[in-house]
Structure formats: C-alpha cells, structure tokens
C-alpha atoms as a PDB file:
ATOM      1  CA  UNK A   1     155.286 -19.524  79.623  1.00  0.00           C
ATOM      2  CA  UNK A   2     157.217 -17.261  77.272  1.00  0.00           C
ATOM      3  CA  UNK A   3     156.207 -16.280  73.750  1.00  0.00           C
ATOM      4  CA  UNK A   4     158.445 -14.891  71.003  1.00  0.00           C
ATOM      5  CA  UNK A   5     157.765 -12.751  67.943  1.00  0.00           C
ATOM      6  CA  UNK A   6     160.286 -11.446  65.455  1.00  0.00           C
ATOM      7  CA  UNK A   7     160.848  -9.624  62.203  1.00  0.00           C
ATOM      8  CA  UNK A   8     163.999  -8.974  60.197  1.00  0.00           C
ATOM      9  CA  UNK A   9     165.271  -6.413  62.720  1.00  0.00           C
ATOM     10  CA  UNK A  10     164.013  -7.404  66.171  1.00  0.00           C
ATOM     11  CA  UNK A  11     163.232 -10.445  68.296  1.00  0.00           C
ATOM     12  CA  UNK A  12     160.968  -9.928  71.310  1.00  0.00           C
ATOM     13  CA  UNK A  13     160.093 -12.389  74.063  1.00  0.00           C
ATOM     14  CA  UNK A  14     157.329 -11.785  76.611  1.00  0.00           C
ATOM     15  CA  UNK A  15     155.965 -13.884  79.455  1.00  0.00           C
ATOM     16  CA  UNK A  16     152.347 -14.632  80.291  1.00  0.00           C
ATOM     17  CA  UNK A  17     153.374 -13.910  83.899  1.00  0.00           C
ATOM     18  CA  UNK A  18     152.772 -10.192  84.197  1.00  0.00           C
ATOM     19  CA  UNK A  19     152.659  -9.869  80.387  1.00  0.00           C
ATOM     20  CA  UNK A  20     156.251  -8.739  80.879  1.00  0.00           C
ATOM     21  CA  UNK A  21     158.799  -8.213  78.122  1.00  0.00           C
ATOM     22  CA  UNK A  22     161.714 -10.510  78.939  1.00  0.00           C
ATOM     23  CA  UNK A  23     164.026  -9.929  75.995  1.00  0.00           C
ATOM     24  CA  UNK A  24     164.481  -7.580  73.052  1.00  0.00           C
ATOM     25  CA  UNK A  25     167.294  -8.488  70.697  1.00  0.00           C
ATOM     26  CA  UNK A  26     168.654  -6.307  67.899  1.00  0.00           C
ATOM     27  CA  UNK A  27     169.244  -8.814  65.141  1.00  0.00           C
ATOM     28  CA  UNK A  28     171.916  -6.822  63.322  1.00  0.00           C
ATOM     29  CA  UNK A  29     174.456  -7.658  66.033  1.00  0.00           C
ATOM     30  CA  UNK A  30     172.578  -9.927  68.446  1.00  0.00           C
ATOM     31  CA  UNK A  31     172.646  -7.310  71.208  1.00  0.00           C
ATOM     32  CA  UNK A  32     170.277  -7.878  74.140  1.00  0.00           C
ATOM     33  CA  UNK A  33     168.732  -4.530  75.004  1.00  0.00           C
ATOM     34  CA  UNK A  34     166.681  -5.505  78.065  1.00  0.00           C
ATOM     35  CA  UNK A  35     167.959  -5.958  81.593  1.00  0.00           C
ATOM     36  CA  UNK A  36     167.897  -9.673  82.422  1.00  0.00           C
ATOM     37  CA  UNK A  37     166.418  -9.479  85.926  1.00  0.00           C
ATOM     38  CA  UNK A  38     169.502 -10.255  88.015  1.00  0.00           C
ATOM     39  CA  UNK A  39     167.864 -10.153  91.449  1.00  0.00           C
ATOM     40  CA  UNK A  40     171.039  -8.925  93.140  1.00  0.00           C
ATOM     41  CA  UNK A  41     170.227  -5.594  91.482  1.00  0.00           C
ATOM     42  CA  UNK A  42     166.529  -5.838  90.548  1.00  0.00           C
ATOM     43  CA  UNK A  43     164.670  -9.030  89.726  1.00  0.00           C
ATOM     44  CA  UNK A  44     162.423  -7.725  86.969  1.00  0.00           C
ATOM     45  CA  UNK A  45     162.783  -6.647  83.345  1.00  0.00           C
ATOM     46  CA  UNK A  46     159.751  -4.623  82.234  1.00  0.00           C
ATOM     47  CA  UNK A  47     156.786  -4.972  84.594  1.00  0.00           C
ATOM     48  CA  UNK A  48     153.403  -3.482  83.759  1.00  0.00           C
ATOM     49  CA  UNK A  49     152.196  -1.241  86.586  1.00  0.00           C
ATOM     50  CA  UNK A  50     148.429  -1.613  87.124  1.00  0.00           C
ATOM     51  CA  UNK A  51     146.128  -0.503  88.684  1.00  0.00           C
ATOM     52  CA  UNK A  52     148.667   1.559  90.627  1.00  0.00           C
ATOM     53  CA  UNK A  53     151.874   3.356  89.662  1.00  0.00           C
ATOM     54  CA  UNK A  54     154.098   3.868  92.679  1.00  0.00           C
ATOM     55  CA  UNK A  55     152.545   3.834  96.142  1.00  0.00           C
ATOM     56  CA  UNK A  56     149.342   4.831  97.820  1.00  0.00           C
ATOM     57  CA  UNK A  57     150.008   7.033 100.829  1.00  0.00           C
ATOM     58  CA  UNK A  58     150.394   4.604 103.743  1.00  0.00           C
ATOM     59  CA  UNK A  59     149.704   1.804 101.187  1.00  0.00           C
ATOM     60  CA  UNK A  60     145.964   2.511 101.426  1.00  0.00           C
ATOM     61  CA  UNK A  61     143.171   3.897  99.266  1.00  0.00           C
ATOM     62  CA  UNK A  62     139.600   4.714 100.245  1.00  0.00           C
ATOM     63  CA  UNK A  63     136.572   4.287  97.988  1.00  0.00           C
ATOM     64  CA  UNK A  64     132.959   4.688  99.126  1.00  0.00           C
ATOM     65  CA  UNK A  65     134.107   4.607 102.726  1.00  0.00           C
ATOM     66  CA  UNK A  66     135.950   1.297 102.414  1.00  0.00           C
ATOM     67  CA  UNK A  67     139.712   1.044 102.792  1.00  0.00           C
ATOM     68  CA  UNK A  68     141.822  -1.076 100.431  1.00  0.00           C
ATOM     69  CA  UNK A  69     145.484  -1.954 100.930  1.00  0.00           C
ATOM     70  CA  UNK A  70     147.774  -2.523  97.963  1.00  0.00           C
ATOM     71  CA  UNK A  71     151.541  -2.627  97.570  1.00  0.00           C
ATOM     72  CA  UNK A  72     153.764  -0.662  95.241  1.00  0.00           C
ATOM     73  CA  UNK A  73     152.919  -0.698  91.525  1.00  0.00           C
ATOM     74  CA  UNK A  74     149.750  -2.768  91.895  1.00  0.00           C
ATOM     75  CA  UNK A  75     149.209  -6.469  91.273  1.00  0.00           C
ATOM     76  CA  UNK A  76     149.125  -7.055  87.500  1.00  0.00           C
ATOM     77  CA  UNK A  77     152.898  -7.578  87.309  1.00  0.00           C
ATOM     78  CA  UNK A  78     152.549 -10.634  89.574  1.00  0.00           C
ATOM     79  CA  UNK A  79     149.511 -12.215  87.901  1.00  0.00           C
ATOM     80  CA  UNK A  80     149.308 -14.695  85.045  1.00  0.00           C
ATOM     81  CA  UNK A  81     147.739 -13.241  81.925  1.00  0.00           C
ATOM     82  CA  UNK A  82     146.039 -15.268  79.210  1.00  0.00           C
ATOM     83  CA  UNK A  83     147.461 -15.239  75.704  1.00  0.00           C
ATOM     84  CA  UNK A  84     144.702 -13.797  73.569  1.00  0.00           C
ATOM     85  CA  UNK A  85     146.448 -13.872  70.215  1.00  0.00           C
ATOM     86  CA  UNK A  86     149.844 -14.526  68.680  1.00  0.00           C
ATOM     87  CA  UNK A  87     150.803 -13.714  65.108  1.00  0.00           C
ATOM     88  CA  UNK A  88     154.175 -13.395  63.428  1.00  0.00           C
ATOM     89  CA  UNK A  89     154.694  -9.889  64.787  1.00  0.00           C
ATOM     90  CA  UNK A  90     152.065  -9.416  67.509  1.00  0.00           C
ATOM     91  CA  UNK A  91     151.327 -10.731  71.014  1.00  0.00           C
ATOM     92  CA  UNK A  92     148.114  -9.939  72.883  1.00  0.00           C
ATOM     93  CA  UNK A  93     147.713 -10.698  76.602  1.00  0.00           C
ATOM     94  CA  UNK A  94     144.504 -10.476  78.652  1.00  0.00           C
ATOM     95  CA  UNK A  95     143.906 -10.093  82.385  1.00  0.00           C
ATOM     96  CA  UNK A  96     140.619  -9.971  84.286  1.00  0.00           C
ATOM     97  CA  UNK A  97     139.920  -9.204  87.924  1.00  0.00           C
ATOM     98  CA  UNK A  98     139.420 -12.043  90.377  1.00  0.00           C
ATOM     99  CA  UNK A  99     138.479 -12.557  94.004  1.00  0.00           C
ATOM    100  CA  UNK A 100     141.997 -11.754  95.219  1.00  0.00           C
ATOM    101  CA  UNK A 101     142.320  -8.570  93.168  1.00  0.00           C
ATOM    102  CA  UNK A 102     138.990  -7.280  94.457  1.00  0.00           C
ATOM    103  CA  UNK A 103     140.304  -7.458  98.019  1.00  0.00           C
ATOM    104  CA  UNK A 104     142.913  -4.848  97.054  1.00  0.00           C
ATOM    105  CA  UNK A 105     141.035  -2.882  94.403  1.00  0.00           C
ATOM    106  CA  UNK A 106     137.261  -2.324  94.244  1.00  0.00           C
ATOM    107  CA  UNK A 107     136.683  -2.679  90.506  1.00  0.00           C
ATOM    108  CA  UNK A 108     136.248  -5.342  87.885  1.00  0.00           C
ATOM    109  CA  UNK A 109     138.372  -4.773  84.773  1.00  0.00           C
ATOM    110  CA  UNK A 110     139.688  -6.207  81.546  1.00  0.00           C
ATOM    111  CA  UNK A 111     143.314  -5.294  80.833  1.00  0.00           C
ATOM    112  CA  UNK A 112     144.611  -5.983  77.316  1.00  0.00           C
ATOM    113  CA  UNK A 113     148.322  -5.602  76.573  1.00  0.00           C
ATOM    114  CA  UNK A 114     149.589  -5.806  73.011  1.00  0.00           C
ATOM    115  CA  UNK A 115     153.166  -5.938  71.732  1.00  0.00           C
ATOM    116  CA  UNK A 116     153.691  -5.268  68.016  1.00  0.00           C
ATOM    117  CA  UNK A 117     156.866  -5.258  65.967  1.00  0.00           C
ATOM    118  CA  UNK A 118     156.830  -2.572  63.294  1.00  0.00           C
ATOM    119  CA  UNK A 119     160.159  -2.450  61.434  1.00  0.00           C
ATOM    120  CA  UNK A 120     162.706  -1.218  64.039  1.00  0.00           C
ATOM    121  CA  UNK A 121     160.092  -0.417  66.685  1.00  0.00           C
ATOM    122  CA  UNK A 122     158.173  -2.207  69.434  1.00  0.00           C
ATOM    123  CA  UNK A 123     154.720  -0.699  69.901  1.00  0.00           C
ATOM    124  CA  UNK A 124     153.335  -1.300  73.394  1.00  0.00           C
ATOM    125  CA  UNK A 125     149.575  -0.819  73.704  1.00  0.00           C
ATOM    126  CA  UNK A 126     147.525  -0.808  76.893  1.00  0.00           C
ATOM    127  CA  UNK A 127     143.758  -1.081  76.830  1.00  0.00           C
ATOM    128  CA  UNK A 128     141.530  -1.006  79.921  1.00  0.00           C
ATOM    129  CA  UNK A 129     137.828  -1.851  79.675  1.00  0.00           C
ATOM    130  CA  UNK A 130     135.294  -0.993  82.374  1.00  0.00           C
ATOM    131  CA  UNK A 131     132.629  -3.702  82.893  1.00  0.00           C
ATOM    132  CA  UNK A 132     131.380  -2.134  86.147  1.00  0.00           C
ATOM    133  CA  UNK A 133     128.054  -0.437  86.748  1.00  0.00           C
ATOM    134  CA  UNK A 134     129.956   2.623  87.927  1.00  0.00           C
ATOM    135  CA  UNK A 135     132.932   4.803  87.033  1.00  0.00           C
ATOM    136  CA  UNK A 136     136.282   3.164  87.759  1.00  0.00           C
ATOM    137  CA  UNK A 137     139.583   4.761  88.753  1.00  0.00           C
ATOM    138  CA  UNK A 138     143.042   3.424  87.975  1.00  0.00           C
ATOM    139  CA  UNK A 139     146.621   4.156  86.979  1.00  0.00           C
ATOM    140  CA  UNK A 140     148.834   2.333  84.500  1.00  0.00           C
ATOM    141  CA  UNK A 141     152.484   2.606  83.558  1.00  0.00           C
ATOM    142  CA  UNK A 142     155.519   0.936  82.073  1.00  0.00           C
ATOM    143  CA  UNK A 143     158.813   0.087  83.776  1.00  0.00           C
ATOM    144  CA  UNK A 144     161.152  -1.209  81.021  1.00  0.00           C
ATOM    145  CA  UNK A 145     164.790  -1.609  82.060  1.00  0.00           C
ATOM    146  CA  UNK A 146     167.503  -1.197  79.432  1.00  0.00           C
ATOM    147  CA  UNK A 147     171.079  -2.423  79.645  1.00  0.00           C
ATOM    148  CA  UNK A 148     173.621   0.382  79.906  1.00  0.00           C
ATOM    149  CA  UNK A 149     176.707   1.641  81.725  1.00  0.00           C
ATOM    150  CA  UNK A 150     175.674   4.471  84.044  1.00  0.00           C
ATOM    151  CA  UNK A 151     179.182   5.939  83.922  1.00  0.00           C
ATOM    152  CA  UNK A 152     179.380   6.348  80.158  1.00  0.00           C
ATOM    153  CA  UNK A 153     175.862   6.219  78.681  1.00  0.00           C
ATOM    154  CA  UNK A 154     173.651   9.305  78.623  1.00  0.00           C
ATOM    155  CA  UNK A 155     169.985  10.189  78.155  1.00  0.00           C
ATOM    156  CA  UNK A 156     168.682  12.722  75.640  1.00  0.00           C
ATOM    157  CA  UNK A 157     165.333  14.368  76.323  1.00  0.00           C
ATOM    158  CA  UNK A 158     163.190  15.823  73.536  1.00  0.00           C
ATOM    159  CA  UNK A 159     159.813  17.472  73.093  1.00  0.00           C
ATOM    160  CA  UNK A 160     158.239  17.877  69.637  1.00  0.00           C
ATOM    161  CA  UNK A 161     161.543  16.805  68.014  1.00  0.00           C
ATOM    162  CA  UNK A 162     163.469  19.550  69.812  1.00  0.00           C
ATOM    163  CA  UNK A 163     165.975  18.867  72.608  1.00  0.00           C
ATOM    164  CA  UNK A 164     164.951  19.981  76.074  1.00  0.00           C
ATOM    165  CA  UNK A 165     167.079  22.752  77.552  1.00  0.00           C
ATOM    166  CA  UNK A 166     166.137  21.529  81.018  1.00  0.00           C
ATOM    167  CA  UNK A 167     163.857  19.104  82.843  1.00  0.00           C
ATOM    168  CA  UNK A 168     162.371  19.496  86.300  1.00  0.00           C
ATOM    169  CA  UNK A 169     161.868  16.360  88.368  1.00  0.00           C
ATOM    170  CA  UNK A 170     159.725  15.811  91.430  1.00  0.00           C
ATOM    171  CA  UNK A 171     161.547  14.029  94.227  1.00  0.00           C
ATOM    172  CA  UNK A 172     160.433  11.060  96.337  1.00  0.00           C
ATOM    173  CA  UNK A 173     160.242  11.848 100.058  1.00  0.00           C
ATOM    174  CA  UNK A 174     163.024  10.537 102.266  1.00  0.00           C
ATOM    175  CA  UNK A 175     160.645   9.190 104.921  1.00  0.00           C
ATOM    176  CA  UNK A 176     160.374   5.668 103.518  1.00  0.00           C
ATOM    177  CA  UNK A 177     156.784   6.149 102.375  1.00  0.00           C
ATOM    178  CA  UNK A 178     157.633   5.842  98.687  1.00  0.00           C
ATOM    179  CA  UNK A 179     155.445   8.895  98.150  1.00  0.00           C
ATOM    180  CA  UNK A 180     156.110  12.301  96.675  1.00  0.00           C
ATOM    181  CA  UNK A 181     157.612  15.208  98.565  1.00  0.00           C
ATOM    182  CA  UNK A 182     157.052  18.834  97.583  1.00  0.00           C
ATOM    183  CA  UNK A 183     160.682  19.113  96.523  1.00  0.00           C
ATOM    184  CA  UNK A 184     161.781  19.516  92.919  1.00  0.00           C
ATOM    185  CA  UNK A 185     165.143  19.514  91.172  1.00  0.00           C
ATOM    186  CA  UNK A 186     165.849  21.123  87.815  1.00  0.00           C
ATOM    187  CA  UNK A 187     168.542  19.702  85.533  1.00  0.00           C
ATOM    188  CA  UNK A 188     170.095  21.923  82.882  1.00  0.00           C
ATOM    189  CA  UNK A 189     170.726  19.903  79.730  1.00  0.00           C
ATOM    190  CA  UNK A 190     173.359  20.224  77.026  1.00  0.00           C
ATOM    191  CA  UNK A 191     171.426  19.830  73.773  1.00  0.00           C
ATOM    192  CA  UNK A 192     168.962  17.652  75.657  1.00  0.00           C
ATOM    193  CA  UNK A 193     171.626  15.391  77.186  1.00  0.00           C
ATOM    194  CA  UNK A 194     171.786  14.323  80.834  1.00  0.00           C
ATOM    195  CA  UNK A 195     174.657  12.283  82.227  1.00  0.00           C
ATOM    196  CA  UNK A 196     173.863   9.402  84.564  1.00  0.00           C
ATOM    197  CA  UNK A 197     175.439   8.371  87.864  1.00  0.00           C
ATOM    198  CA  UNK A 198     174.635   6.792  91.209  1.00  0.00           C
ATOM    199  CA  UNK A 199     174.187  10.300  92.544  1.00  0.00           C
ATOM    200  CA  UNK A 200     171.469  11.059  89.978  1.00  0.00           C
ATOM    201  CA  UNK A 201     169.338   8.229  91.372  1.00  0.00           C
ATOM    202  CA  UNK A 202     170.375   8.581  95.014  1.00  0.00           C
ATOM    203  CA  UNK A 203     166.863   9.675  96.003  1.00  0.00           C
ATOM    204  CA  UNK A 204     164.952   7.106  93.968  1.00  0.00           C
ATOM    205  CA  UNK A 205     163.192   7.775  90.671  1.00  0.00           C
ATOM    206  CA  UNK A 206     163.111  11.115  88.909  1.00  0.00           C
ATOM    207  CA  UNK A 207     159.431  11.897  88.291  1.00  0.00           C
ATOM    208  CA  UNK A 208     159.059  14.255  85.341  1.00  0.00           C
ATOM    209  CA  UNK A 209     155.555  15.666  84.981  1.00  0.00           C
ATOM    210  CA  UNK A 210     153.585  18.094  82.800  1.00  0.00           C
ATOM    211  CA  UNK A 211     154.503  16.556  79.438  1.00  0.00           C
ATOM    212  CA  UNK A 212     157.976  18.113  79.536  1.00  0.00           C
ATOM    213  CA  UNK A 213     159.298  15.478  77.112  1.00  0.00           C
ATOM    214  CA  UNK A 214     157.802  12.979  74.679  1.00  0.00           C
ATOM    215  CA  UNK A 215     160.980  11.117  73.724  1.00  0.00           C
ATOM    216  CA  UNK A 216     163.930   9.856  75.758  1.00  0.00           C
ATOM    217  CA  UNK A 217     166.895   8.355  73.909  1.00  0.00           C
ATOM    218  CA  UNK A 218     169.565   6.123  75.427  1.00  0.00           C
ATOM    219  CA  UNK A 219     172.977   7.076  73.990  1.00  0.00           C
ATOM    220  CA  UNK A 220     176.041   4.830  74.278  1.00  0.00           C
ATOM    221  CA  UNK A 221     179.636   5.670  75.201  1.00  0.00           C
ATOM    222  CA  UNK A 222     180.496   6.353  71.550  1.00  0.00           C
ATOM    223  CA  UNK A 223     177.684   8.870  71.174  1.00  0.00           C
ATOM    224  CA  UNK A 224     175.490   6.487  69.188  1.00  0.00           C
ATOM    225  CA  UNK A 225     171.754   6.254  69.805  1.00  0.00           C
ATOM    226  CA  UNK A 226     170.860   2.804  71.164  1.00  0.00           C
ATOM    227  CA  UNK A 227     167.099   3.111  71.516  1.00  0.00           C
ATOM    228  CA  UNK A 228     164.404   5.706  72.099  1.00  0.00           C
ATOM    229  CA  UNK A 229     161.245   5.519  74.180  1.00  0.00           C
ATOM    230  CA  UNK A 230     158.535   7.670  72.568  1.00  0.00           C
ATOM    231  CA  UNK A 231     155.272   8.418  74.350  1.00  0.00           C
ATOM    232  CA  UNK A 232     152.329  10.754  74.828  1.00  0.00           C
ATOM    233  CA  UNK A 233     152.067  10.126  78.566  1.00  0.00           C
ATOM    234  CA  UNK A 234     151.502  13.082  80.904  1.00  0.00           C
ATOM    235  CA  UNK A 235     154.503  12.098  82.993  1.00  0.00           C
ATOM    236  CA  UNK A 236     157.336   9.588  83.125  1.00  0.00           C
ATOM    237  CA  UNK A 237     159.909   8.197  85.482  1.00  0.00           C
ATOM    238  CA  UNK A 238     163.641   7.601  85.100  1.00  0.00           C
ATOM    239  CA  UNK A 239     165.120   5.132  87.578  1.00  0.00           C
ATOM    240  CA  UNK A 240     168.024   2.922  88.501  1.00  0.00           C
ATOM    241  CA  UNK A 241     168.279   1.273  91.946  1.00  0.00           C
ATOM    242  CA  UNK A 242     169.576   3.475  94.734  1.00  0.00           C
ATOM    243  CA  UNK A 243     173.184   2.831  95.690  1.00  0.00           C
ATOM    244  CA  UNK A 244     173.725  -0.266  93.547  1.00  0.00           C
ATOM    245  CA  UNK A 245     175.540   1.148  90.501  1.00  0.00           C
ATOM    246  CA  UNK A 246     173.270  -1.121  88.482  1.00  0.00           C
ATOM    247  CA  UNK A 247     174.044  -1.679  84.779  1.00  0.00           C
ATOM    248  CA  UNK A 248     170.620  -0.557  83.577  1.00  0.00           C
ATOM    249  CA  UNK A 249     168.224   2.376  83.495  1.00  0.00           C
ATOM    250  CA  UNK A 250     164.416   2.377  83.366  1.00  0.00           C
ATOM    251  CA  UNK A 251     162.551   4.847  81.147  1.00  0.00           C
ATOM    252  CA  UNK A 252     158.937   4.670  82.273  1.00  0.00           C
ATOM    253  CA  UNK A 253     155.881   6.244  80.584  1.00  0.00           C
ATOM    254  CA  UNK A 254     153.179   6.698  83.199  1.00  0.00           C
ATOM    255  CA  UNK A 255     149.484   7.470  83.341  1.00  0.00           C
ATOM    256  CA  UNK A 256     149.449   7.967  87.103  1.00  0.00           C
ATOM    257  CA  UNK A 257     151.967   8.137  89.930  1.00  0.00           C
ATOM    258  CA  UNK A 258     152.458   7.763  93.661  1.00  0.00           C
ATOM    259  CA  UNK A 259     150.497   9.888  96.104  1.00  0.00           C
ATOM    260  CA  UNK A 260     151.972  12.905  97.830  1.00  0.00           C
ATOM    261  CA  UNK A 261     152.884  12.550 101.488  1.00  0.00           C
ATOM    262  CA  UNK A 262     149.772  13.393 103.489  1.00  0.00           C
ATOM    263  CA  UNK A 263     147.259  12.716 100.680  1.00  0.00           C
ATOM    264  CA  UNK A 264     143.677  12.027 101.838  1.00  0.00           C
ATOM    265  CA  UNK A 265     143.744   8.533 100.227  1.00  0.00           C
ATOM    266  CA  UNK A 266     140.500   9.018  98.279  1.00  0.00           C
ATOM    267  CA  UNK A 267     140.841   6.929  95.125  1.00  0.00           C
ATOM    268  CA  UNK A 268     138.795   9.314  92.977  1.00  0.00           C
ATOM    269  CA  UNK A 269     140.948  12.333  93.954  1.00  0.00           C
ATOM    270  CA  UNK A 270     144.420  10.956  93.156  1.00  0.00           C
ATOM    271  CA  UNK A 271     146.690  13.211  91.100  1.00  0.00           C
ATOM    272  CA  UNK A 272     147.160  11.915  87.548  1.00  0.00           C
ATOM    273  CA  UNK A 273     144.596   9.183  88.170  1.00  0.00           C
ATOM    274  CA  UNK A 274     142.419   8.001  85.285  1.00  0.00           C
ATOM    275  CA  UNK A 275     138.630   7.918  85.331  1.00  0.00           C
ATOM    276  CA  UNK A 276     136.770   5.484  83.073  1.00  0.00           C
ATOM    277  CA  UNK A 277     133.008   5.646  82.641  1.00  0.00           C
ATOM    278  CA  UNK A 278     130.628   2.703  82.414  1.00  0.00           C
ATOM    279  CA  UNK A 279     131.462   0.501  79.367  1.00  0.00           C
ATOM    280  CA  UNK A 280     134.173   2.977  78.322  1.00  0.00           C
ATOM    281  CA  UNK A 281     137.602   1.953  77.023  1.00  0.00           C
ATOM    282  CA  UNK A 282     140.969   3.544  77.852  1.00  0.00           C
ATOM    283  CA  UNK A 283     143.611   2.977  75.160  1.00  0.00           C
ATOM    284  CA  UNK A 284     147.149   4.365  74.961  1.00  0.00           C
ATOM    285  CA  UNK A 285     150.511   3.222  73.623  1.00  0.00           C
ATOM    286  CA  UNK A 286     154.215   3.985  73.538  1.00  0.00           C
ATOM    287  CA  UNK A 287     157.096   2.959  71.279  1.00  0.00           C
ATOM    288  CA  UNK A 288     160.575   1.565  71.812  1.00  0.00           C
ATOM    289  CA  UNK A 289     162.589   2.351  68.684  1.00  0.00           C
ATOM    290  CA  UNK A 290     165.869   0.486  68.248  1.00  0.00           C
ATOM    291  CA  UNK A 291     168.769   1.979  66.291  1.00  0.00           C
END
C-alpha cells in the first residue's frame, strides 16, 4: 500500500513495501523528480539498503564462526514495513526482524524510517534499535534515483558550502564480485561540476569515501539547480546502470559499503560498518532539497 503526504511545495508518496519513496512531485510545475521504476532500465525508485550496502565478498559474512549468505543491498528493500504513524507532513515506517531475516543476518533489530516534508525539503531519517543481548553490526544506505538526461544534466559537488575542486572515487572490481578493487579514479571538477555520461558509469557506481562532499546538486540543461542531496554520511555512491543510457542518476548517502575483494568476511571487521551496543540507538538523516 502507498501513502502520500504533501505541503504547499511538495507531494511525496512512499510504499509500505520496502518503505520506499515512489514519487516526489514539485507542485510549482507538477514535475516528477523520482525515477518511476521502469524495469527495462532498473525496477526500483529509492530502495533502503539494510543491513547491507553493496555486497559481502562472495555473498557471505561470518559471525561467531557461523556463515550467513545475503544478496546485494540486504533484505529490507524487499520486506513489508508497518506504518507506524502518518500525519499531514510525516510518514513513519517500522520493520522488525523475523525468522527469514535471521537466516541471513544474525541479529534482531527494529528499523524505523521517517519521511518529513519541511518547506522545500524531504528529510529522510533512519533509526536502528538494538534489542539483542550483544553488540550488533550493520550497514544502512539510501539509493534514490532522480530523473535526468545524462547527456545534458550535471552534478555539482560541495563540502562545507564550497565547491569541490576534485573528487576521488573507488572503483568496483571487474571480476563480477560486486566488491571493491584497490583502484581509484580522480575527477577534476570545474567549480564543483561533473558532467555525466555512459562512460562515467561504465564500471558501476562511483564510491566516494572520506567525507569528500556533503552536498550533491543535480543541475539541468539550462544550468538550473533541480534538487540537492545533503548528508553527513562518511561516504556516498553515484550510479546509473552500466551500458543502458538510463534517464536517471542515483545519489546515495551510505553508512557502509561493499567489501573489498579478498576480505576475510568477518562481520565485525567490515570497513565502514556500524557497531551498536546493547539497547543503543543509531540515528542519522539526510535531506533532499527541491528547487
């Protein structure tokens, strides 16, 4: 089931399936900003990645000597959440572990996802609660896809309100593992701006680590800002499907990422993984500002 909230500037629709944003409309001109999940390109719009961002090496993790297998980006995106609350400008979705999730992931959890409309901005909040009698380990990330023309739209990268002069991206290995190689590529930027193309995404997502940027703006073919994704995440991804010339780009704040090729698979040793103590709460958010 889908749920809709709106204010005088924005109208947002999200589904209880995956707690996924399905639509974000700018009311001033009725423009749909979100990719509408045409499966011939990519059949999703804005999945929530939990408890895994990317891939485990060889699709496996090991915790306390037991091996768990889980596919790319975890399982939350394919589960039905419960609507916890709906107000005029807020949606809250809840997800708890179950017997099936515990076959893939050793922990109980409560995942709370909140969408709030605040003037021209969507605030996306993720909260993870640990009900276990031990420390839990997890990753979480966003994967929102925004309509654009790769040939004419650009991205502008900023840090602390200043344009980046360059960004350095880690590159996915070409071995089909979906894991990280040791290769990097540095992009020199013109006042923070990076042009897009099929070639840019020819080796899968660009993985930009070390808090190089905290704001990425999508700019249209007339040089006008369309929207900005603002975040405090330690890393983020930029992606469009390889070789498809797809009419969208994903700007993805991440708290976690795929393993490196050859990683030892120990869940508690994953790079950029999050550790949550007994009864502790993890809470972060990011914004999508619409212009």
